[in-house]
């Protein structure tokens, strides 16, 4: 039941109880503004301390890529370095990654509606740094081919790749939680160790 339906039901109840009501159409209540963090949700945690403590959790490193949303788009493919990645569901096969709400790359991926998660190998730290830079031509000199379903850039030398369609997007504070439906995936035939990030640096 929407806002209007709930309001109408409330008016009917008040009339049956003999309470005075205003005649005429019932106006729907305004929808609340969507906010990343509500005032009452702010925990007394210093952001720098939060980052420092959470840095003790080692993560893998990926590069999320997407093809141009339109053929001939001069902006070319999109991509960004992403640590916040995880498997989500086996049946159906779903993965998720988190991206900042202020990201300039995410809107391009969202328009494409598809993406490829490239799981980086230990030897690809420089590649990761290149995709972490904003505003640069991130694909300059980067060897890649097209993922089989989405056509997203599949980076050469990656330990694994997961080709996906955007399945759902949820808000999570100052980030978005992007859920992808896995359409195809694969891994390197070589035993490539993963690139790991811990306490603000790559593990070697």
C-alpha atoms as a PDB file:
ATOM      1  CA  UNK A   1       0.000   0.000   0.000  1.00  0.00           C
ATOM      2  CA  UNK A   2       1.440   3.392  -1.050  1.00  0.00           C
ATOM      3  CA  UNK A   3       1.339   6.685   0.843  1.00  0.00           C
ATOM      4  CA  UNK A   4      -2.020   7.641  -0.680  1.00  0.00           C
ATOM      5  CA  UNK A   5      -3.568   4.259   0.140  1.00  0.00           C
ATOM      6  CA  UNK A   6      -2.381   4.402   3.740  1.00  0.00           C
ATOM      7  CA  UNK A   7      -3.671   7.950   4.146  1.00  0.00           C
ATOM      8  CA  UNK A   8      -7.074   7.012   2.693  1.00  0.00           C
ATOM      9  CA  UNK A   9      -7.316   4.028   5.047  1.00  0.00           C
ATOM     10  CA  UNK A  10      -6.529   6.280   7.995  1.00  0.00           C
ATOM     11  CA  UNK A  11      -9.268   8.725   6.965  1.00  0.00           C
ATOM     12  CA  UNK A  12     -11.812   5.911   6.656  1.00  0.00           C
ATOM     13  CA  UNK A  13     -10.915   4.720  10.149  1.00  0.00           C
ATOM     14  CA  UNK A  14     -11.226   8.210  11.642  1.00  0.00           C
ATOM     15  CA  UNK A  15     -14.623   8.690  10.001  1.00  0.00           C
ATOM     16  CA  UNK A  16     -15.874   5.344  11.383  1.00  0.00           C
ATOM     17  CA  UNK A  17     -14.691   6.402  14.842  1.00  0.00           C
ATOM     18  CA  UNK A  18     -16.545   9.711  14.594  1.00  0.00           C
ATOM     19  CA  UNK A  19     -13.459  11.876  14.460  1.00  0.00           C
ATOM     20  CA  UNK A  20     -13.632  15.052  12.347  1.00  0.00           C
ATOM     21  CA  UNK A  21     -11.857  14.825   9.000  1.00  0.00           C
ATOM     22  CA  UNK A  22     -11.334  17.139   6.070  1.00  0.00           C
ATOM     23  CA  UNK A  23     -13.489  16.390   3.041  1.00  0.00           C
ATOM     24  CA  UNK A  24     -11.932  16.036  -0.381  1.00  0.00           C
ATOM     25  CA  UNK A  25      -9.104  14.015  -1.899  1.00  0.00           C
ATOM     26  CA  UNK A  26      -6.397  12.653   0.353  1.00  0.00           C
ATOM     27  CA  UNK A  27      -2.933  13.956  -0.473  1.00  0.00           C
ATOM     28  CA  UNK A  28      -0.009  11.561  -0.368  1.00  0.00           C
ATOM     29  CA  UNK A  29       2.687  12.364   2.140  1.00  0.00           C
ATOM     30  CA  UNK A  30       5.949  13.603   0.561  1.00  0.00           C
ATOM     31  CA  UNK A  31       8.631  10.965   0.171  1.00  0.00           C
ATOM     32  CA  UNK A  32      11.628  11.440   2.462  1.00  0.00           C
ATOM     33  CA  UNK A  33      14.812  12.692   0.890  1.00  0.00           C
ATOM     34  CA  UNK A  34      17.360   9.975   0.125  1.00  0.00           C
ATOM     35  CA  UNK A  35      20.458  10.608   2.204  1.00  0.00           C
ATOM     36  CA  UNK A  36      23.696   8.678   2.376  1.00  0.00           C
ATOM     37  CA  UNK A  37      23.929   8.988   6.160  1.00  0.00           C
ATOM     38  CA  UNK A  38      21.175  10.280   8.425  1.00  0.00           C
ATOM     39  CA  UNK A  39      22.119  12.606  11.260  1.00  0.00           C
ATOM     40  CA  UNK A  40      21.297  10.028  13.935  1.00  0.00           C
ATOM     41  CA  UNK A  41      23.390   7.337  12.221  1.00  0.00           C
ATOM     42  CA  UNK A  42      26.756   8.996  12.669  1.00  0.00           C
ATOM     43  CA  UNK A  43      28.809   6.880  15.047  1.00  0.00           C
ATOM     44  CA  UNK A  44      31.422   8.553  17.305  1.00  0.00           C
ATOM     45  CA  UNK A  45      34.300   7.070  15.319  1.00  0.00           C
ATOM     46  CA  UNK A  46      37.107   9.138  13.862  1.00  0.00           C
ATOM     47  CA  UNK A  47      37.356   8.437  10.095  1.00  0.00           C
ATOM     48  CA  UNK A  48      41.156   8.199  10.216  1.00  0.00           C
ATOM     49  CA  UNK A  49      40.956   5.694  13.094  1.00  0.00           C
ATOM     50  CA  UNK A  50      38.279   3.739  11.234  1.00  0.00           C
ATOM     51  CA  UNK A  51      40.509   3.486   8.159  1.00  0.00           C
ATOM     52  CA  UNK A  52      43.562   2.563  10.245  1.00  0.00           C
ATOM     53  CA  UNK A  53      41.829  -0.260  12.135  1.00  0.00           C
ATOM     54  CA  UNK A  54      40.023  -1.676   9.099  1.00  0.00           C
ATOM     55  CA  UNK A  55      43.344  -1.650   7.258  1.00  0.00           C
ATOM     56  CA  UNK A  56      44.345  -4.685   9.323  1.00  0.00           C
ATOM     57  CA  UNK A  57      41.990  -6.728   7.155  1.00  0.00           C
ATOM     58  CA  UNK A  58      43.929  -7.818   4.071  1.00  0.00           C
ATOM     59  CA  UNK A  59      41.987  -7.681   0.822  1.00  0.00           C
ATOM     60  CA  UNK A  60      42.455  -8.818  -2.715  1.00  0.00           C
ATOM     61  CA  UNK A  61      42.592  -6.179  -5.426  1.00  0.00           C
ATOM     62  CA  UNK A  62      40.492  -6.010  -8.580  1.00  0.00           C
ATOM     63  CA  UNK A  63      39.928  -3.713 -11.517  1.00  0.00           C
ATOM     64  CA  UNK A  64      36.294  -3.362 -12.547  1.00  0.00           C
ATOM     65  CA  UNK A  65      35.913  -2.544 -16.242  1.00  0.00           C
ATOM     66  CA  UNK A  66      33.030  -1.841 -18.605  1.00  0.00           C
ATOM     67  CA  UNK A  67      32.687  -1.242 -22.350  1.00  0.00           C
ATOM     68  CA  UNK A  68      31.524   2.105 -23.738  1.00  0.00           C
ATOM     69  CA  UNK A  69      27.786   2.515 -23.187  1.00  0.00           C
ATOM     70  CA  UNK A  70      27.368   3.587 -26.829  1.00  0.00           C
ATOM     71  CA  UNK A  71      29.258   2.511 -29.919  1.00  0.00           C
ATOM     72  CA  UNK A  72      31.783   5.132 -30.892  1.00  0.00           C
ATOM     73  CA  UNK A  73      31.737   6.780 -27.471  1.00  0.00           C
ATOM     74  CA  UNK A  74      34.919   8.934 -27.468  1.00  0.00           C
ATOM     75  CA  UNK A  75      35.329   8.327 -23.721  1.00  0.00           C
ATOM     76  CA  UNK A  76      36.113   4.684 -24.489  1.00  0.00           C
ATOM     77  CA  UNK A  77      35.891   1.913 -21.898  1.00  0.00           C
ATOM     78  CA  UNK A  78      35.648   2.576 -18.168  1.00  0.00           C
ATOM     79  CA  UNK A  79      37.563   1.066 -15.270  1.00  0.00           C
ATOM     80  CA  UNK A  80      38.618   1.615 -11.683  1.00  0.00           C
ATOM     81  CA  UNK A  81      40.654  -0.173  -9.012  1.00  0.00           C
ATOM     82  CA  UNK A  82      38.452  -1.815  -6.385  1.00  0.00           C
ATOM     83  CA  UNK A  83      39.310  -3.602  -3.126  1.00  0.00           C
ATOM     84  CA  UNK A  84      35.708  -3.927  -1.923  1.00  0.00           C
ATOM     85  CA  UNK A  85      34.756  -7.060  -3.839  1.00  0.00           C
ATOM     86  CA  UNK A  86      33.229 -10.343  -2.674  1.00  0.00           C
ATOM     87  CA  UNK A  87      31.316 -13.394  -3.825  1.00  0.00           C
ATOM     88  CA  UNK A  88      27.680 -13.167  -2.744  1.00  0.00           C
ATOM     89  CA  UNK A  89      25.563 -16.101  -3.907  1.00  0.00           C
ATOM     90  CA  UNK A  90      26.098 -19.507  -5.476  1.00  0.00           C
ATOM     91  CA  UNK A  91      22.538 -20.037  -6.716  1.00  0.00           C
ATOM     92  CA  UNK A  92      22.061 -17.797  -8.590  1.00  0.00           C
ATOM     93  CA  UNK A  93      25.727 -16.887  -9.086  1.00  0.00           C
ATOM     94  CA  UNK A  94      26.115 -13.334  -7.792  1.00  0.00           C
ATOM     95  CA  UNK A  95      29.075 -11.166  -6.796  1.00  0.00           C
ATOM     96  CA  UNK A  96      29.197  -7.663  -5.371  1.00  0.00           C
ATOM     97  CA  UNK A  97      31.515  -4.699  -5.209  1.00  0.00           C
ATOM     98  CA  UNK A  98      31.304  -1.349  -3.461  1.00  0.00           C
ATOM     99  CA  UNK A  99      31.980   1.994  -5.102  1.00  0.00           C
ATOM    100  CA  UNK A 100      31.985   5.524  -3.686  1.00  0.00           C
ATOM    101  CA  UNK A 101      28.892   7.584  -4.438  1.00  0.00           C
ATOM    102  CA  UNK A 102      31.170  10.367  -5.739  1.00  0.00           C
ATOM    103  CA  UNK A 103      32.901   8.079  -8.265  1.00  0.00           C
ATOM    104  CA  UNK A 104      33.009   9.524 -11.778  1.00  0.00           C
ATOM    105  CA  UNK A 105      33.601   6.076 -13.299  1.00  0.00           C
ATOM    106  CA  UNK A 106      30.583   4.325 -11.788  1.00  0.00           C
ATOM    107  CA  UNK A 107      27.976   6.290 -13.825  1.00  0.00           C
ATOM    108  CA  UNK A 108      29.681   5.091 -17.021  1.00  0.00           C
ATOM    109  CA  UNK A 109      29.583   1.476 -15.809  1.00  0.00           C
ATOM    110  CA  UNK A 110      25.947   1.898 -14.792  1.00  0.00           C
ATOM    111  CA  UNK A 111      25.051   3.188 -18.265  1.00  0.00           C
ATOM    112  CA  UNK A 112      26.749   0.179 -19.848  1.00  0.00           C
ATOM    113  CA  UNK A 113      24.786  -2.151 -17.549  1.00  0.00           C
ATOM    114  CA  UNK A 114      27.572  -4.746 -17.635  1.00  0.00           C
ATOM    115  CA  UNK A 115      31.080  -5.088 -16.242  1.00  0.00           C
ATOM    116  CA  UNK A 116      34.028  -7.419 -15.787  1.00  0.00           C
ATOM    117  CA  UNK A 117      35.876  -7.900 -12.492  1.00  0.00           C
ATOM    118  CA  UNK A 118      39.570  -8.507 -13.129  1.00  0.00           C
ATOM    119  CA  UNK A 119      41.267 -10.156 -10.135  1.00  0.00           C
ATOM    120  CA  UNK A 120      44.823  -8.843 -10.178  1.00  0.00           C
ATOM    121  CA  UNK A 121      47.925 -10.944  -9.711  1.00  0.00           C
ATOM    122  CA  UNK A 122      50.800 -10.076  -7.386  1.00  0.00           C
ATOM    123  CA  UNK A 123      52.810  -8.708 -10.323  1.00  0.00           C
ATOM    124  CA  UNK A 124      50.153  -6.122 -11.255  1.00  0.00           C
ATOM    125  CA  UNK A 125      50.650  -3.461  -8.601  1.00  0.00           C
ATOM    126  CA  UNK A 126      51.576  -0.812 -11.173  1.00  0.00           C
ATOM    127  CA  UNK A 127      48.485  -1.671 -13.202  1.00  0.00           C
ATOM    128  CA  UNK A 128      46.359  -1.195 -10.103  1.00  0.00           C
ATOM    129  CA  UNK A 129      47.919   2.203  -9.418  1.00  0.00           C
ATOM    130  CA  UNK A 130      47.116   3.282 -12.976  1.00  0.00           C
ATOM    131  CA  UNK A 131      43.445   2.436 -12.548  1.00  0.00           C
ATOM    132  CA  UNK A 132      43.338   4.207  -9.189  1.00  0.00           C
ATOM    133  CA  UNK A 133      44.130   7.567 -10.809  1.00  0.00           C
ATOM    134  CA  UNK A 134      41.186   9.809 -11.662  1.00  0.00           C
ATOM    135  CA  UNK A 135      40.951  11.571 -14.997  1.00  0.00           C
ATOM    136  CA  UNK A 136      43.789   9.782 -16.805  1.00  0.00           C
ATOM    137  CA  UNK A 137      43.549   7.498 -19.846  1.00  0.00           C
ATOM    138  CA  UNK A 138      43.620   4.362 -17.737  1.00  0.00           C
ATOM    139  CA  UNK A 139      43.748   1.985 -20.708  1.00  0.00           C
ATOM    140  CA  UNK A 140      46.761   3.603 -22.413  1.00  0.00           C
ATOM    141  CA  UNK A 141      49.263   0.839 -23.050  1.00  0.00           C
ATOM    142  CA  UNK A 142      47.165  -1.748 -21.189  1.00  0.00           C
ATOM    143  CA  UNK A 143      46.819  -5.050 -23.023  1.00  0.00           C
ATOM    144  CA  UNK A 144      43.289  -6.412 -22.924  1.00  0.00           C
ATOM    145  CA  UNK A 145      40.668  -8.257 -24.931  1.00  0.00           C
ATOM    146  CA  UNK A 146      36.862  -8.427 -24.716  1.00  0.00           C
ATOM    147  CA  UNK A 147      35.114 -10.531 -22.090  1.00  0.00           C
ATOM    148  CA  UNK A 148      32.927 -13.095 -23.897  1.00  0.00           C
ATOM    149  CA  UNK A 149      29.449 -11.914 -22.857  1.00  0.00           C
ATOM    150  CA  UNK A 150      29.635  -8.227 -21.921  1.00  0.00           C
ATOM    151  CA  UNK A 151      32.526  -7.168 -24.120  1.00  0.00           C
ATOM    152  CA  UNK A 152      34.091  -5.440 -21.101  1.00  0.00           C
ATOM    153  CA  UNK A 153      37.884  -5.140 -21.108  1.00  0.00           C
ATOM    154  CA  UNK A 154      39.504  -8.324 -19.790  1.00  0.00           C
ATOM    155  CA  UNK A 155      43.004  -7.402 -18.642  1.00  0.00           C
ATOM    156  CA  UNK A 156      45.938  -9.515 -19.770  1.00  0.00           C
ATOM    157  CA  UNK A 157      47.797 -11.262 -16.946  1.00  0.00           C
ATOM    158  CA  UNK A 158      44.941 -11.134 -14.446  1.00  0.00           C
ATOM    159  CA  UNK A 159      44.633 -14.081 -12.090  1.00  0.00           C
ATOM    160  CA  UNK A 160      40.905 -14.412 -12.844  1.00  0.00           C
ATOM    161  CA  UNK A 161      38.000 -12.601 -14.464  1.00  0.00           C
ATOM    162  CA  UNK A 162      34.245 -12.518 -13.832  1.00  0.00           C
ATOM    163  CA  UNK A 163      31.946 -11.235 -16.586  1.00  0.00           C
ATOM    164  CA  UNK A 164      28.707  -9.771 -15.190  1.00  0.00           C
ATOM    165  CA  UNK A 165      25.440  -7.953 -15.774  1.00  0.00           C
ATOM    166  CA  UNK A 166      24.345  -5.342 -13.229  1.00  0.00           C
ATOM    167  CA  UNK A 167      21.704  -7.154 -11.138  1.00  0.00           C
ATOM    168  CA  UNK A 168      20.913  -4.616  -8.382  1.00  0.00           C
ATOM    169  CA  UNK A 169      22.314  -1.488  -6.741  1.00  0.00           C
ATOM    170  CA  UNK A 170      21.804  -0.656  -3.056  1.00  0.00           C
ATOM    171  CA  UNK A 171      22.825   2.352  -0.971  1.00  0.00           C
ATOM    172  CA  UNK A 172      25.322   1.841   1.811  1.00  0.00           C
ATOM    173  CA  UNK A 173      26.283   5.077   3.538  1.00  0.00           C
ATOM    174  CA  UNK A 174      28.725   6.990   1.334  1.00  0.00           C
ATOM    175  CA  UNK A 175      29.056   3.993  -1.019  1.00  0.00           C
ATOM    176  CA  UNK A 176      26.876   2.020  -3.403  1.00  0.00           C
ATOM    177  CA  UNK A 177      26.648  -1.763  -3.206  1.00  0.00           C
ATOM    178  CA  UNK A 178      26.583  -3.136  -6.751  1.00  0.00           C
ATOM    179  CA  UNK A 179      25.376  -6.710  -7.224  1.00  0.00           C
ATOM    180  CA  UNK A 180      26.364  -8.459 -10.439  1.00  0.00           C
ATOM    181  CA  UNK A 181      24.901 -11.578 -12.028  1.00  0.00           C
ATOM    182  CA  UNK A 182      27.746 -13.763 -13.280  1.00  0.00           C
ATOM    183  CA  UNK A 183      27.431 -14.614 -16.974  1.00  0.00           C
ATOM    184  CA  UNK A 184      30.909 -16.089 -17.557  1.00  0.00           C
ATOM    185  CA  UNK A 185      34.167 -16.447 -15.676  1.00  0.00           C
ATOM    186  CA  UNK A 186      37.607 -17.937 -15.880  1.00  0.00           C
ATOM    187  CA  UNK A 187      41.055 -18.087 -14.318  1.00  0.00           C
ATOM    188  CA  UNK A 188      44.637 -18.094 -15.508  1.00  0.00           C
ATOM    189  CA  UNK A 189      46.129 -21.459 -16.373  1.00  0.00           C
ATOM    190  CA  UNK A 190      49.243 -20.370 -14.497  1.00  0.00           C
ATOM    191  CA  UNK A 191      49.348 -20.466 -10.705  1.00  0.00           C
ATOM    192  CA  UNK A 192      49.239 -16.667 -10.325  1.00  0.00           C
ATOM    193  CA  UNK A 193      49.444 -15.474  -6.691  1.00  0.00           C
ATOM    194  CA  UNK A 194      46.979 -12.678  -5.843  1.00  0.00           C
ATOM    195  CA  UNK A 195      47.742  -9.014  -5.324  1.00  0.00           C
ATOM    196  CA  UNK A 196      46.964  -8.251  -1.667  1.00  0.00           C
ATOM    197  CA  UNK A 197      46.494  -4.909   0.054  1.00  0.00           C
ATOM    198  CA  UNK A 198      47.190  -4.525   3.781  1.00  0.00           C
ATOM    199  CA  UNK A 199      47.692  -1.480   6.024  1.00  0.00           C
ATOM    200  CA  UNK A 200      47.791   0.921   3.108  1.00  0.00           C
ATOM    201  CA  UNK A 201      50.278  -0.951   0.920  1.00  0.00           C
ATOM    202  CA  UNK A 202      50.638  -3.980  -1.315  1.00  0.00           C
ATOM    203  CA  UNK A 203      51.959  -7.135   0.309  1.00  0.00           C
ATOM    204  CA  UNK A 204      55.075  -8.519  -1.363  1.00  0.00           C
END
